Amino acid sequence: MGVLKAGSLCWLFHVLVLVCALCQILYVGSIGAQTAQLSVDASPQNAQVIPGNMFGIFFEEINHAGAGGLWAELVSNRGFEAGGPNTPSNIDPWLTIGDESNIIVATDRSSCFAGNPIALRMEVHCETSGTNACPSGGVGIYNPGYWGMNIERRKVYRATMYIKSSDSVELTVSLTSSDGLQNLASHTITGDKEDFVEWTKVEFDLESIDRNTNSRLQLTTTKSGIIWFDQVSLMPSDTYMGHGFRKDLASMLANLKPRFLKFPGGNYVMGNYLVNAFRWSETVGPWEERPGHFNDAWAYWTDDGLGFFEFLQLAEDLGACPVWVVNDGASLNEEVPTATIAAFVKDVVNGIEFARGDPQTAWGSVRAAMGHPEPFQLYYVSIGNQECSKYYYKVNYMKFYSAIKASYPDITIISSCDRSAISPVNPADLYDVHVYTSSGDMFSRSRMFDNTARNGPKAIVSEYAVTGNDAGRGTLIAALAEAAFLIGLERNSDVVEMASCAPLFVNDNDRRWNPDAIVFNSWQHYGCPNYWMLHFFKDSSGAALHPSTIQLSNYDQLVTSAITWNNSQDGNTYLKIKVVNFGSKAVNLNISVTGLETDIQKFGSIKTVLTSGWLRDENSFQQPDKVVPAASPITNAGEQMGVVLDSYSLTSFDILLGSSQTLHSVSGSSL
C-alpha cells in the first residue's frame, strides 16, 4: 500500500467536508432547530368556506393508465383492430402455438361488426391423430395481455368471444402460465358443422385452480379446419362496484375521496392528429361494436372499453363530479376553421345529451340501453386542452360556449385561456391552469394566487406536478413542494375552485411520463409520496378555512393552513392544521388557537407526518411503504401547544373539538 502525502491529505479533508455538506443538503435531519409561532383564528365568523369540489383527480389515458390498467380487460387487442384497416395486418401481442406447417393465421375483413371489420382467420392443417397429428396440446393462438395477465386462485373470469366456422368445432380455451406449461383453467367449446356457420357469441366462466401473475389466454385445437375469431375478451368477475374497473386501483382513487373526476385526458383528447382524437360517440354502446383507436399522443392502441359511459360511471361510483374535456376541433398539429366547426359543436352538445338527456331522447336512449336510465350529473365541460394560443380557438370557443349554454345553461364551462383573456365578449365560468415545474419553484408558487383579483372567473388548476431531476419517479421533496402549492390553493380558494394533479397512473412497463401518483403492473401497485400527500387534503373540500399566520425570522420554508372539518365516519369535528417544512432545519412550533366556540378534547387528537430519511426517497414495488404518512396521538392538545416539525416534512394536527363548534362545511373523512 502507498503512503498519503500532505497534499493528498489536504485534498482528502476537503472532499470529506464537501461530502458532509452534501449529506446535510440531501438527508433529512435536524440542523439548528428554531422556534416559530403559529397563530390560528378559529372563530366561525372569520372563516371562509372552501369550495365543495376543491380537490379531485384528473385521468389521462397515458402510461397505459386505462388500457392495461384501471380498465380490467385482460386481453390486449381483443378485436384484432390494432394493426389497422388493411389486411393482412399485425395482430400483436397475439402469437401462434405451433409452426406454420400446422397453423396459419391472418386478419381479414369478415367481422360481423361494421365499425370494427377486422377478424382473425385461423387455418389448422394438422389432425387429432394419424400421420399428420397435431402437437401435444394442440395448435392455436394466445394473448399475453398487457405484460402478463394476473390470474388469481379461485377467482372467476368471464370469457367472451365471437366464433365462425364452416367446419365442426372443438376448441379449448385455457388460462395458462406464460410458457403454456401450467394450466390454471380451461373450457372446451364444441359444435357441429352447422352450429357456427354464422358469427356466434360464446360466453363462459373460467375459475382458476392456482395463481400466476404472468399468465396468458390461449385458444387451441387438434382438429383441422378454419375458424374465425373476433372480439375475444377476458374480464375478472370481481371488479370495482361491478362496473369493470380493476378493484385495487379504483380503491386507491376512492381512498382519496375525490370531489371531481376530470377525463379522459389532455393530449389524449386532442391526438397528434384529429383522426386519432378521442371521439366520445365511438366509445359508447356495446363494447363489441366500438372501433377503438390509436392513441397517437402516447403511442398505443386502445380498444375503448374505457369509454365515455365508463368515465361517467366511474365518477358516480367515486361520488365525484364528472368534468368532461371535449375535443374542440383541434389536435396537436391541426385545427378546424370556424367555418366548419359546427359539426364538432353539435357533437359536444350530443355528448351532454348522452350524459344527461331523458331516456326518450336520441342519445339519452343509448345511455339507458347501456343500463343507466337515470342521467349522470355532468355539470362541468372543459373546452379543449390549453389551446388558447391556436389561431381559431377563441372564436371556436364561443361557438361551443353559446351552443352549450343555450341547451344547458347550468353547465360550468372551462376555458383554456388564462384569466387575462376572459372578458364579456369571451366569457368563461372557470379558466384552466397547468403548472409543471421544479420543486423549488413549485414551493414558491404557494403564493401564486395571493395577488389575484378577487372578482371575475375562478381558476381550476387541473394539472400540476413537480418535474425535472428532483422529481425522479416520485420523490419526497416533490411531494412536499406540491403540498405547499396545495396549501396555497386552499388559502386562495376564493379565487381557485378546483385542483388535481397529473398524471394519475403509470403502468411500470410503459412509463411515458414521470412522476405519477400511482404505479402498478399486472398484479402490484403502490402510491408515490405525492399520492400519500393528497390524503392530507381529502378533508379540505367544503371545509371552513381559518386565518393563520406564522412568525419565524430568517427562515421562509414554512407554509401553513388551518381548517375545521366534520368526520362523517365518527361524527366528530376537528381543527386540522397543516404545515410544510421545506427546509433543512427542525422547528419548534408554538401553536396558539383563538376563537373556538368549544373546548379542545383532551384525548382523540392525531398528528400525522409525511417525511423520510432522504429528500429523494421514493416508494417502489420492493418498498411500497418507504414514504408514507405516520400517525401518532397528540398528548398535549390544547389552545396553546408546543410541537416539533421535522425538517423536510408535511405535518397535520387533527385536533378533536367538542360537539358544539359551529361549522359551515361538507363532511369529510379522516386520514
Foldseek 3Di string as FASTA:
>chain_A
DDDDDPVNVVVVVVVVVVVVVVLLVWWFDADPAAAKEKEFAPAQVQWDWFAQQAEFAEAACAQVCPQQHFQQWQFDQLFQPFQDDDWFGDSPPKDKFDDPVFKDKGWDQCDPFPLARIWMKIFGDAACDDPRWAPVVAIFMKGQGFQHAWAAAQFKKKKKKKKAFQAWDWKKKFKAAPVRPGTFWIDIDTGHNPPRNDIDMDMDMTHGHHTDRRIMITIGDRHGGMMMIGRIIMGTCDDQVSLRTRNVVLVLNLLLLRAAYEDDHALQQQAQDNVQHAQQVLLAADLRNRNWGASRVRGGTDSSVVGPLNQLVSCVSSNYAYAYEHEQQHHNHDHDAPVPRVVSLVSVLLSQCLQQNQCPDPNLVRNVVVPPRHHRRHQHYEYHHLCVPDDRQQVSVVVNVVVCCVVPVRHFYEYSDDQVPDDPVRHGQEYEAAEEEALVVLLVCLCVCVPPDLDGHAYADAEYFYDDDLCPQAWLSRLLSPLSNVLSCLVVSSRHRYYYYPDAEHEPVRDPDGHHQKYHHNPDIAGKLNSQSSQLCSQRNFWIWIDMDMDDPPADQKHKTWTWAAAPVVRWIWIKIKMFRSASHKYKYKYAYDNWPFFFDQWDKKKKKFDAGTRGDIADRVRRVRTHIDMDIDRDDGNIDIDMGTHSMMMMITTTTDPPTDIRGDHGHHD
